[in-house]
């Protein structure tokens, strides 16, 4: 569970479905949470294909652009580079209460399951696991091979929440944004962050 006084780390990787990560970022900032953001190189490519957003490579420039786009307060969003080993998330002493990878590519899933720590995203996830904090992974791939499933099982046994991007339809979505909000709402529920993004089962 995310502590209300601690930042939430968010990583966006190169699986299709960048809208999940961007919408989650928007929701976390709207909930007045401090966000530590990491964006993989592949994610930058996917974001440029799947949205109208062109993210610059420099972390500081990316941070300024996203702060303006989502109306973040000063200091509320911090963007870290892929090899910024001085970032708080690279050490157990600076581990956030929670980390979400949305979407999570199968390559990132594999690296986290194996403890590769070849970049800051992988290292941050490794830190969260070893410090027994909350880690939520949102894989977006189909079909899933035995390799993918074995990695998910290994991580689930370590306490990682595996939350595939598989939105429900009982809320009768009218547009793609409704499906995105369904999954983002489930992440926020697990982080215990209040929201009004999607109707829960049984609610009118």
N, C-alpha and C. Protein backbone atom coordinates (compact mmCIF):
# COMPACT_ATOMS: atom_id res chain seq x y z
N UNK A 1 0.84 -1.20 0.00
CA UNK A 1 0.00 0.00 0.00
C UNK A 1 0.87 1.24 0.00
N UNK A 2 0.52 2.21 -0.82
CA UNK A 2 1.29 3.45 -0.90
C UNK A 2 1.01 4.33 0.30
N UNK A 3 2.07 4.74 0.99
CA UNK A 3 1.98 5.68 2.10
C UNK A 3 1.68 7.06 1.54
N UNK A 4 0.70 7.75 2.10
CA UNK A 4 0.29 9.05 1.59
C UNK A 4 1.39 10.08 1.62
N UNK A 5 2.42 9.87 2.43
CA UNK A 5 3.51 10.83 2.53
C UNK A 5 4.72 10.45 1.69
N UNK A 6 4.65 9.32 1.02
CA UNK A 6 5.79 8.86 0.22
C UNK A 6 5.47 8.92 -1.26
N UNK A 7 6.49 9.18 -2.09
CA UNK A 7 6.26 9.20 -3.54
C UNK A 7 5.88 7.83 -4.08
N UNK A 8 5.21 7.84 -5.20
CA UNK A 8 4.92 6.62 -5.95
C UNK A 8 5.81 6.62 -7.17
N UNK A 9 6.53 5.54 -7.39
CA UNK A 9 7.37 5.41 -8.59
C UNK A 9 6.52 4.84 -9.72
N UNK A 10 6.63 5.43 -10.88
CA UNK A 10 5.90 4.97 -12.06
C UNK A 10 6.87 4.79 -13.21
N UNK A 11 6.86 3.61 -13.81
CA UNK A 11 7.68 3.35 -14.98
C UNK A 11 6.76 3.04 -16.16
N UNK A 12 7.05 3.64 -17.30
CA UNK A 12 6.33 3.36 -18.54
C UNK A 12 7.33 2.69 -19.48
N UNK A 13 7.03 1.47 -19.89
CA UNK A 13 7.95 0.73 -20.76
C UNK A 13 7.32 0.51 -22.13
N UNK A 14 7.99 -0.26 -22.97
CA UNK A 14 7.68 -0.27 -24.39
C UNK A 14 6.56 -1.16 -24.88
N UNK A 15 5.74 -1.71 -23.99
CA UNK A 15 4.58 -2.46 -24.46
C UNK A 15 3.56 -1.49 -25.04
N UNK A 16 2.73 -1.98 -25.94
CA UNK A 16 1.62 -1.17 -26.43
C UNK A 16 0.70 -0.86 -25.26
N UNK A 17 0.10 0.33 -25.28
CA UNK A 17 -0.79 0.71 -24.19
C UNK A 17 -0.23 1.82 -23.33
N UNK A 18 0.50 2.75 -23.96
CA UNK A 18 1.08 3.86 -23.19
C UNK A 18 0.01 4.68 -22.49
N UNK A 19 -1.23 4.63 -23.01
CA UNK A 19 -2.31 5.40 -22.41
C UNK A 19 -2.52 5.03 -20.94
N UNK A 20 -2.28 3.76 -20.60
CA UNK A 20 -2.44 3.34 -19.20
C UNK A 20 -1.46 4.10 -18.30
N UNK A 21 -0.22 4.17 -18.71
CA UNK A 21 0.78 4.85 -17.90
C UNK A 21 0.55 6.34 -17.84
N UNK A 22 0.22 6.95 -18.98
CA UNK A 22 0.01 8.40 -19.00
C UNK A 22 -1.22 8.79 -18.19
N UNK A 23 -2.27 8.00 -18.27
CA UNK A 23 -3.49 8.30 -17.50
C UNK A 23 -3.24 8.09 -16.01
N UNK A 24 -2.46 7.06 -15.67
CA UNK A 24 -2.13 6.84 -14.27
C UNK A 24 -1.30 8.00 -13.73
N UNK A 25 -0.36 8.48 -14.52
CA UNK A 25 0.44 9.63 -14.12
C UNK A 25 -0.48 10.82 -13.84
N UNK A 26 -1.41 11.08 -14.74
CA UNK A 26 -2.35 12.19 -14.57
C UNK A 26 -3.16 12.01 -13.29
N UNK A 27 -3.63 10.78 -13.04
CA UNK A 27 -4.47 10.52 -11.86
C UNK A 27 -3.68 10.68 -10.56
N UNK A 28 -2.45 10.21 -10.55
CA UNK A 28 -1.62 10.34 -9.36
C UNK A 28 -1.33 11.80 -9.04
N UNK A 29 -1.03 12.57 -10.07
CA UNK A 29 -0.77 14.00 -9.87
C UNK A 29 -2.04 14.72 -9.40
N UNK A 30 -3.18 14.33 -9.96
CA UNK A 30 -4.46 14.94 -9.54
C UNK A 30 -4.78 14.60 -8.09
N UNK A 31 -4.30 13.42 -7.64
CA UNK A 31 -4.50 13.01 -6.25
C UNK A 31 -3.45 13.62 -5.32
N UNK A 32 -2.66 14.54 -5.86
CA UNK A 32 -1.64 15.27 -5.10
C UNK A 32 -0.54 14.36 -4.56
N UNK A 33 -0.23 13.32 -5.32
CA UNK A 33 0.88 12.46 -4.95
C UNK A 33 2.13 12.89 -5.68
N UNK A 34 3.27 12.76 -5.01
CA UNK A 34 4.56 13.00 -5.67
C UNK A 34 4.88 11.75 -6.49
N UNK A 35 5.32 11.96 -7.73
CA UNK A 35 5.58 10.84 -8.64
C UNK A 35 7.03 10.87 -9.09
N UNK A 36 7.69 9.71 -8.98
CA UNK A 36 9.01 9.50 -9.56
C UNK A 36 8.78 8.75 -10.87
N UNK A 37 9.04 9.40 -11.99
CA UNK A 37 8.73 8.82 -13.29
C UNK A 37 9.98 8.37 -14.03
N UNK A 38 9.89 7.18 -14.64
CA UNK A 38 10.94 6.64 -15.49
C UNK A 38 10.29 6.17 -16.79
N UNK A 39 10.87 6.54 -17.92
CA UNK A 39 10.32 6.18 -19.23
C UNK A 39 11.42 5.51 -20.03
N UNK A 40 11.15 4.29 -20.49
CA UNK A 40 12.17 3.58 -21.27
C UNK A 40 12.27 4.17 -22.67
N UNK A 41 13.36 3.85 -23.35
CA UNK A 41 13.56 4.33 -24.72
C UNK A 41 12.49 3.78 -25.64
N UNK A 42 12.17 2.51 -25.47
CA UNK A 42 11.11 1.90 -26.30
C UNK A 42 9.76 2.56 -26.03
N UNK A 43 9.52 2.94 -24.78
CA UNK A 43 8.26 3.61 -24.43
C UNK A 43 8.13 4.94 -25.15
N UNK A 44 9.23 5.66 -25.28
CA UNK A 44 9.19 6.93 -26.01
C UNK A 44 8.73 6.72 -27.45
N UNK A 45 9.21 5.65 -28.06
CA UNK A 45 8.80 5.33 -29.43
C UNK A 45 7.32 5.00 -29.49
N UNK A 46 6.88 4.14 -28.57
CA UNK A 46 5.47 3.72 -28.55
C UNK A 46 4.56 4.92 -28.29
N UNK A 47 4.95 5.77 -27.36
CA UNK A 47 4.14 6.96 -27.04
C UNK A 47 3.97 7.84 -28.27
N UNK A 48 5.03 7.99 -29.05
CA UNK A 48 4.95 8.83 -30.25
C UNK A 48 4.04 8.21 -31.31
N UNK A 49 3.91 6.88 -31.29
CA UNK A 49 3.05 6.18 -32.25
C UNK A 49 1.60 6.17 -31.80
N UNK A 50 1.38 5.96 -30.50
CA UNK A 50 0.03 5.74 -29.98
C UNK A 50 -0.65 7.00 -29.46
N UNK A 51 0.07 8.11 -29.40
CA UNK A 51 -0.53 9.33 -28.88
C UNK A 51 0.01 10.53 -29.64
N UNK A 52 -0.48 11.69 -29.27
CA UNK A 52 0.00 12.93 -29.90
C UNK A 52 1.16 13.54 -29.12
N UNK A 53 1.70 12.77 -28.18
CA UNK A 53 2.75 13.27 -27.31
C UNK A 53 4.12 12.85 -27.82
N UNK A 54 5.00 13.80 -27.94
CA UNK A 54 6.39 13.53 -28.33
C UNK A 54 7.28 13.90 -27.14
N UNK A 55 7.78 12.88 -26.45
CA UNK A 55 8.56 13.14 -25.25
C UNK A 55 10.03 13.37 -25.59
N UNK A 56 10.61 14.44 -25.09
CA UNK A 56 12.04 14.67 -25.30
C UNK A 56 12.86 13.67 -24.49
N UNK A 57 14.09 13.46 -24.90
CA UNK A 57 14.94 12.48 -24.23
C UNK A 57 15.53 12.99 -22.92
N UNK A 58 15.78 14.27 -22.83
CA UNK A 58 16.36 14.82 -21.62
C UNK A 58 15.35 14.80 -20.47
N UNK A 59 15.69 14.18 -19.34
CA UNK A 59 14.75 14.08 -18.22
C UNK A 59 14.18 15.43 -17.77
N UNK A 60 15.02 16.44 -17.68
CA UNK A 60 14.56 17.75 -17.20
C UNK A 60 13.54 18.35 -18.16
N UNK A 61 13.80 18.20 -19.46
CA UNK A 61 12.87 18.73 -20.46
C UNK A 61 11.57 17.95 -20.46
N UNK A 62 11.67 16.63 -20.32
CA UNK A 62 10.48 15.79 -20.24
C UNK A 62 9.65 16.17 -19.01
N UNK A 63 10.34 16.40 -17.92
CA UNK A 63 9.66 16.77 -16.67
C UNK A 63 8.88 18.08 -16.85
N UNK A 64 9.49 19.06 -17.46
CA UNK A 64 8.82 20.35 -17.68
C UNK A 64 7.60 20.20 -18.57
N UNK A 65 7.74 19.42 -19.64
CA UNK A 65 6.63 19.21 -20.56
C UNK A 65 5.45 18.53 -19.87
N UNK A 66 5.73 17.48 -19.09
CA UNK A 66 4.66 16.73 -18.44
C UNK A 66 4.03 17.52 -17.30
N UNK A 67 4.84 18.30 -16.60
CA UNK A 67 4.29 19.16 -15.54
C UNK A 67 3.29 20.15 -16.12
N UNK A 68 3.65 20.72 -17.26
CA UNK A 68 2.75 21.68 -17.91
C UNK A 68 1.50 21.00 -18.44
N UNK A 69 1.68 19.83 -19.02
CA UNK A 69 0.55 19.10 -19.62
C UNK A 69 -0.47 18.68 -18.57
N UNK A 70 0.01 18.23 -17.40
CA UNK A 70 -0.88 17.69 -16.38
C UNK A 70 -1.09 18.63 -15.19
N UNK A 71 -0.54 19.82 -15.26
CA UNK A 71 -0.76 20.80 -14.22
C UNK A 71 -0.17 20.41 -12.88
N UNK A 72 0.99 19.80 -12.89
CA UNK A 72 1.64 19.36 -11.64
C UNK A 72 2.17 20.55 -10.86
N UNK A 73 2.11 20.44 -9.55
CA UNK A 73 2.68 21.47 -8.69
C UNK A 73 4.20 21.39 -8.73
N UNK A 74 4.85 22.44 -8.34
CA UNK A 74 6.31 22.46 -8.34
C UNK A 74 6.87 21.37 -7.44
N UNK A 75 7.76 20.57 -7.99
CA UNK A 75 8.38 19.50 -7.24
C UNK A 75 7.55 18.24 -7.11
N UNK A 76 6.33 18.23 -7.67
CA UNK A 76 5.45 17.08 -7.53
C UNK A 76 5.86 15.93 -8.45
N UNK A 77 6.45 16.26 -9.58
CA UNK A 77 6.88 15.24 -10.55
C UNK A 77 8.39 15.33 -10.74
N UNK A 78 9.04 14.19 -10.62
CA UNK A 78 10.48 14.11 -10.89
C UNK A 78 10.71 13.02 -11.92
N UNK A 79 11.37 13.37 -13.00
CA UNK A 79 11.67 12.41 -14.07
C UNK A 79 13.14 12.05 -13.99
N UNK A 80 13.42 10.74 -13.99
CA UNK A 80 14.79 10.26 -13.88
C UNK A 80 15.24 9.59 -15.18
N UNK A 81 16.53 9.76 -15.48
CA UNK A 81 17.11 9.15 -16.68
C UNK A 81 17.29 7.65 -16.51
N UNK A 82 17.52 6.98 -17.64
CA UNK A 82 17.59 5.51 -17.64
C UNK A 82 18.79 4.97 -16.87
N UNK A 83 19.83 5.77 -16.75
CA UNK A 83 21.01 5.33 -16.00
C UNK A 83 21.37 6.35 -14.92
N UNK A 84 20.36 6.95 -14.35
CA UNK A 84 20.57 7.94 -13.30
C UNK A 84 20.67 7.22 -11.95
N UNK A 85 21.81 6.66 -11.69
CA UNK A 85 21.99 5.80 -10.53
C UNK A 85 21.96 6.56 -9.21
N UNK A 86 21.98 7.89 -9.26
CA UNK A 86 21.88 8.69 -8.04
C UNK A 86 20.42 8.96 -7.66
N UNK A 87 19.48 8.47 -8.46
CA UNK A 87 18.06 8.68 -8.15
C UNK A 87 17.69 7.93 -6.87
N UNK A 88 16.77 8.45 -6.08
CA UNK A 88 16.38 7.79 -4.83
C UNK A 88 15.95 6.34 -5.02
N UNK A 89 15.28 6.06 -6.13
CA UNK A 89 14.73 4.71 -6.35
C UNK A 89 15.81 3.66 -6.58
N UNK A 90 17.07 4.08 -6.76
CA UNK A 90 18.15 3.13 -7.01
C UNK A 90 18.69 2.50 -5.73
N UNK A 91 18.20 2.96 -4.59
CA UNK A 91 18.72 2.46 -3.31
C UNK A 91 17.59 2.14 -2.35
N UNK A 92 17.81 1.13 -1.54
CA UNK A 92 16.82 0.76 -0.54
C UNK A 92 16.52 1.88 0.43
N UNK A 93 17.50 2.74 0.69
CA UNK A 93 17.28 3.85 1.62
C UNK A 93 16.35 4.91 1.06
N UNK A 94 16.14 4.89 -0.25
CA UNK A 94 15.24 5.85 -0.88
C UNK A 94 14.06 5.20 -1.57
N UNK A 95 13.82 3.93 -1.26
CA UNK A 95 12.75 3.18 -1.94
C UNK A 95 11.38 3.80 -1.69
N UNK A 96 10.58 3.94 -2.73
CA UNK A 96 9.22 4.45 -2.55
C UNK A 96 8.33 3.41 -1.88
N UNK A 97 7.20 3.84 -1.37
CA UNK A 97 6.26 2.90 -0.76
C UNK A 97 5.69 1.96 -1.80
N UNK A 98 5.60 2.44 -3.04
CA UNK A 98 5.01 1.62 -4.10
C UNK A 98 5.60 2.00 -5.45
N UNK A 99 5.60 1.03 -6.35
CA UNK A 99 6.04 1.26 -7.73
C UNK A 99 5.09 0.54 -8.66
N UNK A 100 4.78 1.20 -9.77
CA UNK A 100 3.91 0.63 -10.80
C UNK A 100 4.64 0.69 -12.13
N UNK A 101 4.59 -0.41 -12.88
CA UNK A 101 5.10 -0.43 -14.25
C UNK A 101 3.90 -0.61 -15.17
N UNK A 102 3.53 0.47 -15.89
CA UNK A 102 2.32 0.46 -16.70
C UNK A 102 2.53 1.25 -17.98
N UNK A 103 2.49 0.59 -19.13
CA UNK A 103 2.44 -0.86 -19.28
C UNK A 103 3.81 -1.48 -19.03
N UNK A 104 3.80 -2.77 -18.79
CA UNK A 104 5.05 -3.50 -18.53
C UNK A 104 5.33 -4.42 -19.71
N UNK A 105 6.39 -4.15 -20.44
CA UNK A 105 6.75 -5.02 -21.56
C UNK A 105 7.21 -6.38 -21.03
N UNK A 106 7.15 -7.39 -21.87
CA UNK A 106 7.59 -8.71 -21.44
C UNK A 106 9.10 -8.74 -21.23
N UNK A 107 9.82 -7.86 -21.93
CA UNK A 107 11.26 -7.74 -21.70
C UNK A 107 11.54 -7.21 -20.31
N UNK A 108 10.80 -6.19 -19.90
CA UNK A 108 10.96 -5.65 -18.56
C UNK A 108 10.53 -6.67 -17.52
N UNK A 109 9.45 -7.37 -17.79
CA UNK A 109 8.98 -8.44 -16.90
C UNK A 109 10.08 -9.47 -16.67
N UNK A 110 10.72 -9.89 -17.75
CA UNK A 110 11.80 -10.88 -17.67
C UNK A 110 12.96 -10.35 -16.85
N UNK A 111 13.37 -9.11 -17.12
CA UNK A 111 14.51 -8.53 -16.41
C UNK A 111 14.24 -8.39 -14.92
N UNK A 112 13.01 -8.00 -14.56
CA UNK A 112 12.66 -7.87 -13.14
C UNK A 112 12.66 -9.24 -12.48
N UNK A 113 12.11 -10.23 -13.18
CA UNK A 113 12.04 -11.59 -12.62
C UNK A 113 13.43 -12.17 -12.39
N UNK A 114 14.38 -11.76 -13.22
CA UNK A 114 15.75 -12.29 -13.12
C UNK A 114 16.67 -11.39 -12.30
N UNK A 115 16.18 -10.22 -11.85
CA UNK A 115 17.00 -9.31 -11.08
C UNK A 115 18.13 -8.69 -11.88
N UNK A 116 17.89 -8.43 -13.17
CA UNK A 116 18.96 -7.97 -14.06
C UNK A 116 19.52 -6.60 -13.66
N UNK A 117 18.64 -5.65 -13.35
CA UNK A 117 19.06 -4.30 -12.93
C UNK A 117 20.02 -3.64 -13.92
N UNK A 118 19.73 -3.78 -15.21
CA UNK A 118 20.58 -3.18 -16.25
C UNK A 118 20.28 -1.71 -16.48
N UNK A 119 19.15 -1.22 -16.00
CA UNK A 119 18.81 0.20 -16.11
C UNK A 119 18.05 0.60 -14.86
N UNK A 120 17.68 1.88 -14.76
CA UNK A 120 17.08 2.37 -13.53
C UNK A 120 15.71 1.75 -13.27
N UNK A 121 14.94 1.50 -14.31
CA UNK A 121 13.62 0.88 -14.11
C UNK A 121 13.78 -0.49 -13.48
N UNK A 122 14.67 -1.29 -14.04
CA UNK A 122 14.89 -2.65 -13.51
C UNK A 122 15.45 -2.60 -12.09
N UNK A 123 16.38 -1.68 -11.86
CA UNK A 123 16.96 -1.55 -10.52
C UNK A 123 15.92 -1.08 -9.51
N UNK A 124 15.09 -0.12 -9.90
CA UNK A 124 14.06 0.37 -8.99
C UNK A 124 13.10 -0.74 -8.59
N UNK A 125 12.70 -1.57 -9.56
CA UNK A 125 11.82 -2.69 -9.26
C UNK A 125 12.51 -3.69 -8.35
N UNK A 126 13.79 -3.94 -8.60
CA UNK A 126 14.57 -4.85 -7.76
C UNK A 126 14.63 -4.33 -6.32
N UNK A 127 14.80 -3.04 -6.17
CA UNK A 127 14.85 -2.42 -4.84
C UNK A 127 13.51 -2.58 -4.12
N UNK A 128 12.43 -2.32 -4.83
CA UNK A 128 11.09 -2.44 -4.24
C UNK A 128 10.84 -3.87 -3.75
N UNK A 129 11.27 -4.84 -4.54
CA UNK A 129 11.09 -6.24 -4.14
C UNK A 129 11.92 -6.57 -2.91
N UNK A 130 13.19 -6.19 -2.94
CA UNK A 130 14.07 -6.56 -1.82
C UNK A 130 13.70 -5.84 -0.53
N UNK A 131 13.11 -4.64 -0.66
CA UNK A 131 12.68 -3.89 0.52
C UNK A 131 11.25 -4.25 0.93
N UNK A 132 10.67 -5.21 0.22
CA UNK A 132 9.32 -5.70 0.51
C UNK A 132 8.27 -4.59 0.47
N UNK A 133 8.41 -3.74 -0.54
CA UNK A 133 7.42 -2.71 -0.79
C UNK A 133 6.44 -3.22 -1.85
N UNK A 134 5.49 -2.39 -2.22
CA UNK A 134 4.45 -2.79 -3.17
C UNK A 134 4.91 -2.56 -4.61
N UNK A 135 4.83 -3.62 -5.42
CA UNK A 135 5.16 -3.53 -6.84
C UNK A 135 4.00 -4.06 -7.66
N UNK A 136 3.52 -3.24 -8.58
CA UNK A 136 2.41 -3.62 -9.47
C UNK A 136 2.92 -3.58 -10.91
N UNK A 137 2.76 -4.70 -11.61
CA UNK A 137 3.15 -4.78 -13.01
C UNK A 137 1.92 -4.96 -13.88
N UNK A 138 1.81 -4.17 -14.94
CA UNK A 138 0.68 -4.27 -15.85
C UNK A 138 1.16 -4.72 -17.23
N UNK A 139 1.35 -6.04 -17.41
CA UNK A 139 1.78 -6.53 -18.72
C UNK A 139 0.67 -6.37 -19.75
N UNK A 140 1.06 -6.07 -20.98
CA UNK A 140 0.11 -5.92 -22.07
C UNK A 140 0.68 -6.70 -23.25
N UNK A 141 0.34 -7.98 -23.29
CA UNK A 141 0.84 -8.86 -24.34
C UNK A 141 -0.16 -9.99 -24.55
N UNK A 142 -0.28 -10.47 -25.79
CA UNK A 142 -1.15 -11.61 -26.03
C UNK A 142 -0.76 -12.27 -27.35
N UNK A 143 -0.75 -13.59 -27.42
CA UNK A 143 -0.93 -14.52 -26.30
C UNK A 143 0.30 -14.52 -25.40
N UNK A 144 0.16 -15.12 -24.24
CA UNK A 144 1.27 -15.24 -23.30
C UNK A 144 1.93 -16.60 -23.46
N UNK A 145 3.25 -16.58 -23.57
CA UNK A 145 3.99 -17.85 -23.69
C UNK A 145 4.26 -18.41 -22.30
N UNK A 146 4.73 -19.64 -22.27
CA UNK A 146 5.10 -20.25 -20.99
C UNK A 146 6.20 -19.44 -20.30
N UNK A 147 7.08 -18.83 -21.09
CA UNK A 147 8.14 -17.99 -20.52
C UNK A 147 7.53 -16.83 -19.74
N UNK A 148 6.58 -16.13 -20.39
CA UNK A 148 5.93 -14.99 -19.72
C UNK A 148 5.23 -15.44 -18.45
N UNK A 149 4.50 -16.55 -18.55
CA UNK A 149 3.73 -17.04 -17.40
C UNK A 149 4.63 -17.48 -16.26
N UNK A 150 5.75 -18.10 -16.59
CA UNK A 150 6.69 -18.51 -15.55
C UNK A 150 7.28 -17.30 -14.82
N UNK A 151 7.58 -16.24 -15.57
CA UNK A 151 8.10 -15.03 -14.95
C UNK A 151 7.04 -14.40 -14.04
N UNK A 152 5.79 -14.39 -14.50
CA UNK A 152 4.72 -13.83 -13.68
C UNK A 152 4.52 -14.64 -12.40
N UNK A 153 4.55 -15.95 -12.52
CA UNK A 153 4.37 -16.81 -11.35
C UNK A 153 5.51 -16.59 -10.35
N UNK A 154 6.72 -16.50 -10.85
CA UNK A 154 7.87 -16.28 -9.97
C UNK A 154 7.71 -14.97 -9.20
N UNK A 155 7.31 -13.91 -9.89
CA UNK A 155 7.15 -12.62 -9.25
C UNK A 155 5.95 -12.60 -8.30
N UNK A 156 4.86 -13.26 -8.70
CA UNK A 156 3.68 -13.31 -7.83
C UNK A 156 4.01 -14.00 -6.52
N UNK A 157 4.85 -15.01 -6.58
CA UNK A 157 5.26 -15.71 -5.35
C UNK A 157 6.13 -14.84 -4.45
N UNK A 158 6.71 -13.78 -5.03
CA UNK A 158 7.51 -12.83 -4.26
C UNK A 158 6.65 -11.68 -3.72
N UNK A 159 5.36 -11.72 -4.01
CA UNK A 159 4.46 -10.69 -3.52
C UNK A 159 4.15 -9.59 -4.50
N UNK A 160 4.66 -9.72 -5.73
CA UNK A 160 4.39 -8.71 -6.76
C UNK A 160 2.96 -8.89 -7.28
N UNK A 161 2.25 -7.80 -7.48
CA UNK A 161 0.91 -7.85 -8.05
C UNK A 161 0.99 -7.82 -9.56
N UNK A 162 0.51 -8.87 -10.19
CA UNK A 162 0.48 -8.95 -11.65
C UNK A 162 -0.92 -8.56 -12.10
N UNK A 163 -1.04 -7.43 -12.78
CA UNK A 163 -2.33 -6.88 -13.16
C UNK A 163 -2.38 -6.66 -14.67
N UNK A 164 -2.65 -7.72 -15.44
CA UNK A 164 -2.67 -7.57 -16.90
C UNK A 164 -3.66 -6.49 -17.34
N UNK A 165 -3.34 -5.83 -18.42
CA UNK A 165 -4.23 -4.80 -18.96
C UNK A 165 -5.42 -5.48 -19.62
N UNK A 166 -6.36 -5.91 -18.78
CA UNK A 166 -7.55 -6.65 -19.25
C UNK A 166 -8.78 -6.02 -18.62
N UNK A 167 -9.23 -4.88 -19.16
CA UNK A 167 -10.36 -4.16 -18.56
C UNK A 167 -11.67 -4.94 -18.64
N UNK A 168 -12.53 -4.72 -17.66
CA UNK A 168 -13.86 -5.31 -17.67
C UNK A 168 -14.80 -4.47 -18.52
N UNK A 169 -16.02 -4.97 -18.68
CA UNK A 169 -17.00 -4.28 -19.52
C UNK A 169 -18.33 -4.06 -18.81
N UNK A 170 -18.39 -4.42 -17.51
CA UNK A 170 -19.67 -4.28 -16.81
C UNK A 170 -20.07 -2.82 -16.60
N UNK A 171 -19.11 -1.91 -16.76
CA UNK A 171 -19.45 -0.49 -16.62
C UNK A 171 -19.89 0.11 -17.96
N UNK A 172 -20.05 -0.75 -18.96
CA UNK A 172 -20.54 -0.35 -20.28
C UNK A 172 -19.74 0.80 -20.87
N UNK A 173 -18.47 0.55 -21.18
CA UNK A 173 -17.62 1.61 -21.73
C UNK A 173 -18.15 2.13 -23.06
N UNK A 174 -18.05 3.43 -23.24
CA UNK A 174 -18.52 4.07 -24.46
C UNK A 174 -17.37 4.49 -25.37
N UNK A 175 -16.17 4.55 -24.82
CA UNK A 175 -15.01 4.97 -25.59
C UNK A 175 -13.76 4.33 -25.00
N UNK A 176 -12.66 4.41 -25.74
CA UNK A 176 -11.41 3.80 -25.30
C UNK A 176 -10.98 4.34 -23.94
N UNK A 177 -11.21 5.62 -23.70
CA UNK A 177 -10.81 6.23 -22.43
C UNK A 177 -11.48 5.55 -21.25
N UNK A 178 -12.70 5.03 -21.44
CA UNK A 178 -13.38 4.33 -20.35
C UNK A 178 -12.67 3.03 -19.99
N UNK A 179 -12.12 2.35 -20.99
CA UNK A 179 -11.38 1.11 -20.76
C UNK A 179 -10.05 1.41 -20.06
N UNK A 180 -9.41 2.48 -20.47
CA UNK A 180 -8.16 2.89 -19.82
C UNK A 180 -8.42 3.24 -18.36
N UNK A 181 -9.48 4.00 -18.11
CA UNK A 181 -9.80 4.41 -16.75
C UNK A 181 -10.13 3.21 -15.87
N UNK A 182 -10.72 2.18 -16.44
CA UNK A 182 -11.03 0.97 -15.66
C UNK A 182 -9.76 0.39 -15.06
N UNK A 183 -8.73 0.25 -15.87
CA UNK A 183 -7.48 -0.34 -15.38
C UNK A 183 -6.75 0.60 -14.44
N UNK A 184 -6.75 1.88 -14.76
CA UNK A 184 -6.09 2.84 -13.88
C UNK A 184 -6.79 2.87 -12.52
N UNK A 185 -8.10 2.75 -12.53
CA UNK A 185 -8.86 2.70 -11.27
C UNK A 185 -8.46 1.49 -10.44
N UNK A 186 -8.23 0.36 -11.07
CA UNK A 186 -7.83 -0.84 -10.33
C UNK A 186 -6.46 -0.65 -9.70
N UNK A 187 -5.56 0.01 -10.42
CA UNK A 187 -4.24 0.31 -9.84
C UNK A 187 -4.39 1.22 -8.63
N UNK A 188 -5.18 2.28 -8.78
CA UNK A 188 -5.39 3.22 -7.67
C UNK A 188 -6.03 2.53 -6.48
N UNK A 189 -6.93 1.59 -6.73
CA UNK A 189 -7.53 0.81 -5.64
C UNK A 189 -6.46 0.07 -4.85
N UNK A 190 -5.53 -0.57 -5.56
CA UNK A 190 -4.47 -1.33 -4.90
C UNK A 190 -3.51 -0.41 -4.15
N UNK A 191 -3.36 0.80 -4.65
CA UNK A 191 -2.53 1.79 -3.95
C UNK A 191 -3.30 2.48 -2.83
N UNK A 192 -4.59 2.20 -2.75
CA UNK A 192 -5.49 2.82 -1.77
C UNK A 192 -5.50 4.33 -1.90
N UNK A 193 -5.59 4.75 -3.14
CA UNK A 193 -5.70 6.18 -3.45
C UNK A 193 -7.14 6.44 -3.93
N UNK A 194 -7.89 7.29 -3.26
CA UNK A 194 -9.28 7.54 -3.64
C UNK A 194 -9.39 8.08 -5.07
N UNK A 195 -10.45 7.71 -5.75
CA UNK A 195 -10.67 8.17 -7.13
C UNK A 195 -12.14 8.03 -7.46
N UNK A 196 -12.52 8.61 -8.59
CA UNK A 196 -13.87 8.46 -9.13
C UNK A 196 -13.78 8.15 -10.64
N UNK A 197 -12.81 7.34 -11.00
CA UNK A 197 -12.57 7.07 -12.42
C UNK A 197 -13.54 6.07 -13.02
N UNK A 198 -13.93 5.07 -12.24
CA UNK A 198 -14.76 4.00 -12.80
C UNK A 198 -15.72 3.48 -11.74
N UNK A 199 -16.88 3.06 -12.18
CA UNK A 199 -17.88 2.50 -11.30
C UNK A 199 -17.45 1.09 -10.87
N UNK A 200 -17.56 0.82 -9.57
CA UNK A 200 -17.22 -0.51 -9.06
C UNK A 200 -18.38 -1.46 -9.25
N UNK A 201 -18.08 -2.74 -9.23
CA UNK A 201 -19.10 -3.77 -9.36
C UNK A 201 -20.16 -3.59 -8.26
N UNK A 202 -21.41 -3.56 -8.64
CA UNK A 202 -22.51 -3.42 -7.68
C UNK A 202 -22.94 -2.00 -7.43
N UNK A 203 -22.13 -1.03 -7.89
CA UNK A 203 -22.49 0.37 -7.71
C UNK A 203 -23.46 0.82 -8.79
N UNK A 204 -24.38 1.69 -8.42
CA UNK A 204 -25.30 2.24 -9.42
C UNK A 204 -24.61 3.32 -10.23
